[in-house]
Protein backbone atom coordinates (compact mmCIF):
# COMPACT_ATOMS: atom_id res chain seq x y z
CA UNK A 1 62.37 -72.63 37.67
CA UNK A 2 61.90 -76.42 37.53
CA UNK A 3 58.37 -77.67 36.99
CA UNK A 4 57.15 -81.14 37.97
CA UNK A 5 54.86 -83.04 35.65
CA UNK A 6 52.43 -85.88 36.42
CA UNK A 7 52.64 -89.31 34.84
CA UNK A 8 49.35 -91.15 34.74
CA UNK A 9 49.55 -94.96 34.60
CA UNK A 10 46.53 -96.74 33.19
CA UNK A 11 45.74 -100.44 34.01
CA UNK A 12 46.48 -103.03 31.36
CA UNK A 13 43.71 -103.48 28.90
CA UNK A 14 41.87 -100.28 29.48
CA UNK A 15 43.65 -98.49 26.66
CA UNK A 16 44.41 -101.63 24.65
CA UNK A 17 48.14 -101.21 24.84
CA UNK A 18 49.46 -101.83 28.35
CA UNK A 19 50.95 -99.09 30.44
CA UNK A 20 51.06 -95.79 28.65
CA UNK A 21 52.08 -92.36 29.67
CA UNK A 22 50.07 -89.41 28.80
CA UNK A 23 50.51 -85.74 29.54
CA UNK A 24 47.26 -84.09 30.35
CA UNK A 25 47.68 -80.38 29.89
CA UNK A 26 44.78 -79.39 32.14
CA UNK A 27 45.69 -81.80 34.95
CA UNK A 28 49.35 -80.88 34.81
CA UNK A 29 48.42 -77.24 35.00
CA UNK A 30 46.38 -77.84 38.09
CA UNK A 31 49.03 -79.76 39.96
CA UNK A 32 52.13 -78.00 38.72
CA UNK A 33 53.93 -76.72 41.76
CA UNK A 34 56.88 -74.37 41.74
CA UNK A 35 60.09 -75.65 43.19
CA UNK A 36 62.93 -73.68 44.49
CA UNK A 37 65.57 -72.94 41.95
CA UNK A 38 68.29 -73.31 44.52
CA UNK A 39 70.81 -76.12 44.39
CA UNK A 40 69.31 -77.88 47.40
CA UNK A 41 67.63 -81.15 46.50
CA UNK A 42 65.40 -81.26 49.56
CA UNK A 43 62.36 -80.44 47.38
CA UNK A 44 61.21 -77.61 49.63
CA UNK A 45 58.61 -75.30 48.15
CA UNK A 46 59.59 -71.75 47.36
CA UNK A 47 56.82 -69.55 48.75
CA UNK A 48 58.10 -66.59 46.82
CA UNK A 49 56.64 -67.50 43.43
CA UNK A 50 57.88 -64.41 41.66
CA UNK A 51 54.44 -64.06 40.10
CA UNK A 52 53.23 -60.64 39.01
CA UNK A 53 51.34 -58.76 41.71
CA UNK A 54 48.20 -58.65 39.57
CA UNK A 55 48.07 -62.51 39.43
CA UNK A 56 48.27 -62.97 43.18
CA UNK A 57 45.07 -63.47 45.13
CA UNK A 58 44.33 -60.29 47.07
CA UNK A 59 42.19 -62.29 49.47
CA UNK A 60 45.24 -64.31 50.53
CA UNK A 61 48.05 -61.80 50.26
CA UNK A 62 46.92 -58.73 52.24
CA UNK A 63 48.92 -56.34 54.33
CA UNK A 64 48.18 -56.33 58.04
CA UNK A 65 48.00 -52.74 59.35
CA UNK A 66 50.41 -51.93 62.11
CA UNK A 67 49.05 -51.54 65.60
CA UNK A 68 48.25 -48.06 66.81
CA UNK A 69 50.61 -46.54 69.33
CA UNK A 70 49.39 -45.73 72.82
CA UNK A 71 49.48 -42.02 72.08
CA UNK A 72 47.39 -42.45 68.91
CA UNK A 73 44.82 -44.51 70.78
CA UNK A 74 44.60 -41.86 73.52
CA UNK A 75 44.11 -39.16 70.88
CA UNK A 76 41.35 -41.16 69.23
CA UNK A 77 39.42 -41.74 72.46
CA UNK A 78 39.96 -38.17 73.62
CA UNK A 79 38.65 -36.83 70.30
CA UNK A 80 35.54 -38.98 70.64
CA UNK A 81 34.83 -37.77 74.18
CA UNK A 82 35.64 -34.18 73.20
CA UNK A 83 33.13 -34.18 70.37
CA UNK A 84 30.59 -36.08 72.44
CA UNK A 85 30.63 -33.28 75.02
CA UNK A 86 30.00 -30.62 72.39
CA UNK A 87 27.35 -32.82 70.78
CA UNK A 88 25.44 -32.86 74.08
CA UNK A 89 25.85 -29.09 74.45
CA UNK A 90 24.60 -28.56 70.90
CA UNK A 91 21.57 -30.75 71.53
CA UNK A 92 20.88 -28.83 74.75
CA UNK A 93 20.97 -25.50 72.88
CA UNK A 94 18.71 -26.94 70.18
CA UNK A 95 16.25 -28.19 72.80
CA UNK A 96 16.17 -24.79 74.52
CA UNK A 97 15.53 -23.03 71.21
CA UNK A 98 12.77 -25.39 70.13
CA UNK A 99 11.17 -25.22 73.58
CA UNK A 100 11.26 -21.42 73.47
CA UNK A 101 9.64 -21.32 70.03
CA UNK A 102 6.96 -23.80 71.03
CA UNK A 103 6.26 -22.06 74.32
CA UNK A 104 5.68 -18.74 72.56
CA UNK A 105 3.82 -20.22 69.60
CA UNK A 106 6.33 -19.10 66.98
CA UNK A 107 6.17 -22.42 65.14
CA UNK A 108 2.39 -22.31 64.88
CA UNK A 109 1.89 -18.71 63.77
CA UNK A 110 0.19 -17.56 66.96
CA UNK A 111 2.38 -14.49 67.25
CA UNK A 112 2.39 -11.37 65.13
CA UNK A 113 6.19 -11.06 65.11
CA UNK A 114 7.89 -12.98 62.28
CA UNK A 115 9.80 -16.14 63.12
CA UNK A 116 13.06 -14.76 61.72
CA UNK A 117 13.14 -12.01 64.36
CA UNK A 118 12.80 -14.37 67.31
CA UNK A 119 16.01 -14.61 69.40
CA UNK A 120 15.24 -18.25 70.14
CA UNK A 121 15.94 -18.99 66.50
CA UNK A 122 19.60 -18.28 67.25
CA UNK A 123 19.65 -21.13 69.75
CA UNK A 124 18.13 -23.45 67.14
CA UNK A 125 20.69 -22.55 64.48
CA UNK A 126 23.65 -22.76 66.87
CA UNK A 127 22.40 -26.06 68.24
CA UNK A 128 21.93 -27.56 64.78
CA UNK A 129 25.37 -26.45 63.60
CA UNK A 130 27.20 -27.60 66.73
CA UNK A 131 25.35 -30.93 66.79
CA UNK A 132 26.05 -31.71 63.13
CA UNK A 133 29.75 -30.88 63.34
CA UNK A 134 30.23 -32.67 66.68
CA UNK A 135 28.39 -35.75 65.42
CA UNK A 136 30.70 -35.90 62.41
CA UNK A 137 33.68 -35.65 64.75
CA UNK A 138 32.34 -38.41 67.01
CA UNK A 139 31.64 -40.83 64.18
CA UNK A 140 34.88 -39.93 62.42
CA UNK A 141 36.90 -40.71 65.55
CA UNK A 142 34.93 -43.87 66.33
CA UNK A 143 35.06 -45.37 62.84
CA UNK A 144 38.32 -43.75 61.70
CA UNK A 145 36.51 -42.31 58.67
CA UNK A 146 38.66 -39.89 56.64
CA UNK A 147 35.57 -38.39 54.98
CA UNK A 148 33.90 -37.46 58.28
CA UNK A 149 37.14 -36.23 59.78
CA UNK A 150 37.81 -33.98 56.80
CA UNK A 151 34.26 -32.59 57.03
CA UNK A 152 34.79 -31.92 60.74
CA UNK A 153 38.09 -30.12 60.14
CA UNK A 154 36.64 -28.03 57.31
CA UNK A 155 33.55 -27.03 59.32
CA UNK A 156 35.56 -26.05 62.40
CA UNK A 157 37.99 -24.00 60.29
CA UNK A 158 35.04 -22.27 58.61
CA UNK A 159 33.52 -21.39 61.98
CA UNK A 160 36.87 -20.13 63.24
CA UNK A 161 37.27 -17.99 60.14
CA UNK A 162 33.85 -16.43 60.66
CA UNK A 163 34.68 -15.71 64.28
CA UNK A 164 37.97 -14.05 63.37
CA UNK A 165 36.27 -12.04 60.64
CA UNK A 166 33.56 -10.91 63.06
CA UNK A 167 36.17 -9.89 65.62
CA UNK A 168 38.09 -7.87 63.06
CA UNK A 169 34.94 -6.12 61.87
CA UNK A 170 33.99 -5.35 65.45
CA UNK A 171 37.44 -3.97 66.13
CA UNK A 172 37.38 -1.79 63.02
CA UNK A 173 33.89 -0.49 63.78
CA UNK A 174 34.39 -0.01 67.53
CA UNK A 175 33.80 3.73 67.19
CA UNK A 176 30.36 3.05 65.76
CA UNK A 177 29.52 0.53 68.44
CA UNK A 178 27.81 3.11 70.62
CA UNK A 179 25.45 4.12 67.81
CA UNK A 180 24.72 0.47 66.96
CA UNK A 181 24.05 -0.24 70.63
CA UNK A 182 21.69 2.72 70.81
CA UNK A 183 19.77 1.52 67.75
CA UNK A 184 19.47 -1.98 69.20
CA UNK A 185 18.18 -0.65 72.52
CA UNK A 186 15.72 1.61 70.71
CA UNK A 187 14.33 -1.40 68.86
CA UNK A 188 14.00 -3.27 72.16
CA UNK A 189 12.22 -0.26 73.66
CA UNK A 190 9.71 -0.02 70.82
CA UNK A 191 8.90 -3.75 70.86
CA UNK A 192 8.98 -4.15 74.61
CA UNK A 193 5.48 -5.61 74.97
CA UNK A 194 5.58 -7.58 71.72
CA UNK A 195 8.70 -9.67 72.32
CA UNK A 196 8.92 -11.52 75.66
CA UNK A 197 12.62 -12.16 75.11
CA UNK A 198 13.36 -8.49 74.51
CA UNK A 199 11.24 -7.57 77.51
CA UNK A 200 13.24 -9.91 79.71
CA UNK A 201 16.52 -8.54 78.33
CA UNK A 202 15.54 -4.90 78.85
CA UNK A 203 14.33 -5.55 82.38
CA UNK A 204 17.55 -7.34 83.30
CA UNK A 205 19.69 -4.51 81.90
CA UNK A 206 17.69 -1.81 83.68
CA UNK A 207 17.74 -3.67 87.00
CA UNK A 208 21.42 -4.62 86.84
CA UNK A 209 22.74 -1.25 85.66
CA UNK A 210 20.14 0.78 87.60
CA UNK A 211 19.10 2.80 84.57
CA UNK A 212 15.96 3.57 82.59
CA UNK A 213 15.49 4.19 78.87
CA UNK A 214 18.22 5.09 76.39
CA UNK A 215 19.40 8.54 77.43
CA UNK A 216 16.84 9.14 80.19
CA UNK A 217 13.63 7.69 81.55
CA UNK A 218 11.56 9.93 79.24
CA UNK A 219 12.63 7.84 76.23
CA UNK A 220 9.78 5.49 77.14
CA UNK A 221 7.35 8.07 75.74
CA UNK A 222 8.21 6.68 72.29
CA UNK A 223 6.68 3.33 73.23
CA UNK A 224 3.06 3.19 72.03
CA UNK A 225 1.90 1.56 75.28
CA UNK A 226 3.71 3.93 77.68
CA UNK A 227 2.99 7.13 75.75
CA UNK A 228 0.74 9.57 77.58
CA UNK A 229 -1.77 9.42 74.72
CA UNK A 230 -2.12 5.61 74.99
CA UNK A 231 -5.54 4.37 76.08
CA UNK A 232 -4.29 1.67 78.46
CA UNK A 233 -3.49 1.79 82.17
CA UNK A 234 0.24 1.98 81.37
CA UNK A 235 -0.10 5.45 79.81
CA UNK A 236 2.53 7.93 81.07
CA UNK A 237 4.37 5.10 82.83
CA UNK A 238 7.67 3.26 82.57
CA UNK A 239 8.46 -0.42 83.19
CA UNK A 240 8.68 -1.62 86.78
CA UNK A 241 12.35 -2.46 86.24
CA UNK A 242 13.07 1.30 86.29
CA UNK A 243 11.88 1.67 89.89
CA UNK A 244 14.33 2.44 92.67
CA UNK A 245 12.59 -0.18 94.81
CA UNK A 246 10.62 -2.58 92.58
CA UNK A 247 9.70 -4.74 95.57
CA UNK A 248 6.74 -4.22 97.84
CA UNK A 249 7.63 -4.96 101.46
CA UNK A 250 10.92 -6.37 100.16
CA UNK A 251 9.40 -9.67 99.01
CA UNK A 252 6.69 -9.16 96.38
CA UNK A 253 7.38 -7.51 93.01
CA UNK A 254 5.32 -4.34 92.56
CA UNK A 255 4.40 -4.11 88.86
CA UNK A 256 2.72 -0.71 89.39
CA UNK A 257 5.60 1.07 91.12
CA UNK A 258 6.34 3.24 88.05
CA UNK A 259 2.77 4.05 87.01
CA UNK A 260 2.39 7.74 86.16
CA UNK A 261 6.13 8.45 86.39
CA UNK A 262 6.13 10.41 83.12
CA UNK A 263 3.54 12.86 84.54
CA UNK A 264 5.91 13.81 87.34
CA UNK A 265 8.71 16.29 87.11
CA UNK A 266 12.32 15.17 87.18
CA UNK A 267 12.68 15.90 90.88
CA UNK A 268 9.58 13.95 91.84
CA UNK A 269 10.28 11.15 89.39
CA UNK A 270 13.83 10.82 90.77
CA UNK A 271 12.40 9.53 94.03
CA UNK A 272 10.53 6.76 92.22
CA UNK A 273 12.57 5.65 89.19
CA UNK A 274 16.11 5.88 87.87
CA UNK A 275 16.53 8.99 85.71
CA UNK A 276 19.72 8.07 83.80
CA UNK A 277 19.70 6.14 80.54
CA UNK A 278 21.22 2.74 79.85
CA UNK A 279 23.36 3.52 76.78
CA UNK A 280 26.16 5.17 78.73
CA UNK A 281 25.95 2.60 81.52
CA UNK A 282 26.02 -0.33 79.12
CA UNK A 283 28.92 1.13 77.11
CA UNK A 284 30.96 1.55 80.29
CA UNK A 285 30.12 -2.00 81.35
CA UNK A 286 31.23 -3.40 77.99
CA UNK A 287 34.53 -1.53 78.19
CA UNK A 288 35.10 -2.99 81.63
CA UNK A 289 34.37 -6.50 80.34
CA UNK A 290 36.64 -6.21 77.29
CA UNK A 291 39.37 -8.31 78.93
CA UNK A 292 36.95 -11.09 79.85
CA UNK A 293 35.46 -11.08 76.35
CA UNK A 294 38.94 -11.36 74.81
CA UNK A 295 39.84 -14.25 77.14
CA UNK A 296 36.60 -16.04 76.26
CA UNK A 297 37.22 -15.61 72.53
CA UNK A 298 40.78 -16.91 72.90
CA UNK A 299 39.55 -19.93 74.89
CA UNK A 300 37.02 -20.71 72.16
CA UNK A 301 39.73 -20.55 69.50
CA UNK A 302 41.96 -22.88 71.57
CA UNK A 303 39.11 -25.37 71.97
CA UNK A 304 38.50 -25.39 68.22
CA UNK A 305 42.25 -25.68 67.53
CA UNK A 306 42.52 -28.69 69.87
CA UNK A 307 39.69 -30.46 68.03
CA UNK A 308 41.29 -29.76 64.65
CA UNK A 309 44.71 -31.01 65.79
CA UNK A 310 43.27 -34.27 67.10
CA UNK A 311 41.38 -34.81 63.85
CA UNK A 312 44.55 -34.13 61.81
CA UNK A 313 46.49 -36.60 63.96
CA UNK A 314 43.92 -39.31 63.24
CA UNK A 315 43.98 -38.48 59.54
CA UNK A 316 47.76 -38.88 59.60
CA UNK A 317 47.42 -42.30 61.26
CA UNK A 318 44.91 -43.37 58.64
CA UNK A 319 47.17 -42.19 55.82
CA UNK A 320 50.06 -44.27 57.25
CA UNK A 321 47.84 -47.33 57.41
CA UNK A 322 47.54 -47.31 61.15
CA UNK A 323 43.77 -47.71 61.08
CA UNK A 324 41.16 -48.98 58.69
CA UNK A 325 38.30 -46.93 57.38
């Protein structure tokens, strides 16, 4: 490679010896320009300096990322909207749970029941989890952040694994499901007056399935408020949701329609309340809804798989240099 050097001419008398030529190492280093080593004498500069990569200025020589394809851009925007929808749903579930806890005083210790047994706590936990994961997916898609996208993929896969594990355990223990259902209903029966959520659930089950108690309506004798030895006005009674006709004149709910039902014989009580229990009715209803439950579980898995695939597609684009972090 040929290197040009600078000749500096000084005026006569300034150095005491006429015109002299000096080679200034520092100046020549600053103005030394590489010339092409080709045989052309046009003096054109060779932009390929053949300098080591470490000596080149990274601020000048930087690779321009290729433009995203139309499909990749559509995937990115769709992933953002997808996660934004689930973020809003998660925030809605969180708001419902917090509102339920505040409305019943669970956060301020006004209730005797512990906070961990409140069903509204499930809404809070689900809302927090869904909001956090969906927010990571939104920001990861918007900013093309590999860290957030990897967190989103890992969290969704963890949730999917827990769902599959729960389904397998439920399938393996399906023969014990009836006993577990009976224990759960017994707990609801015992805490009927103490838990407004359980009271609402029991009333809805008894009204919808037209049943009363676990095996029969006399199971309500185990409740300390409906037992015949209880001091209150509800002694020897059952909830109004057990009544054959819980409405007075067809418009107003009659809360006293089942008062004293446990003092009556089965024949007389059969004209006032439902005699059959809810365990058998609920088990039959669950067996009839097995197909719908399976379809819902499959749809949930497909939704999670779609989110994971979109996140993996964006991670692949980032790895190929299609987007910047």
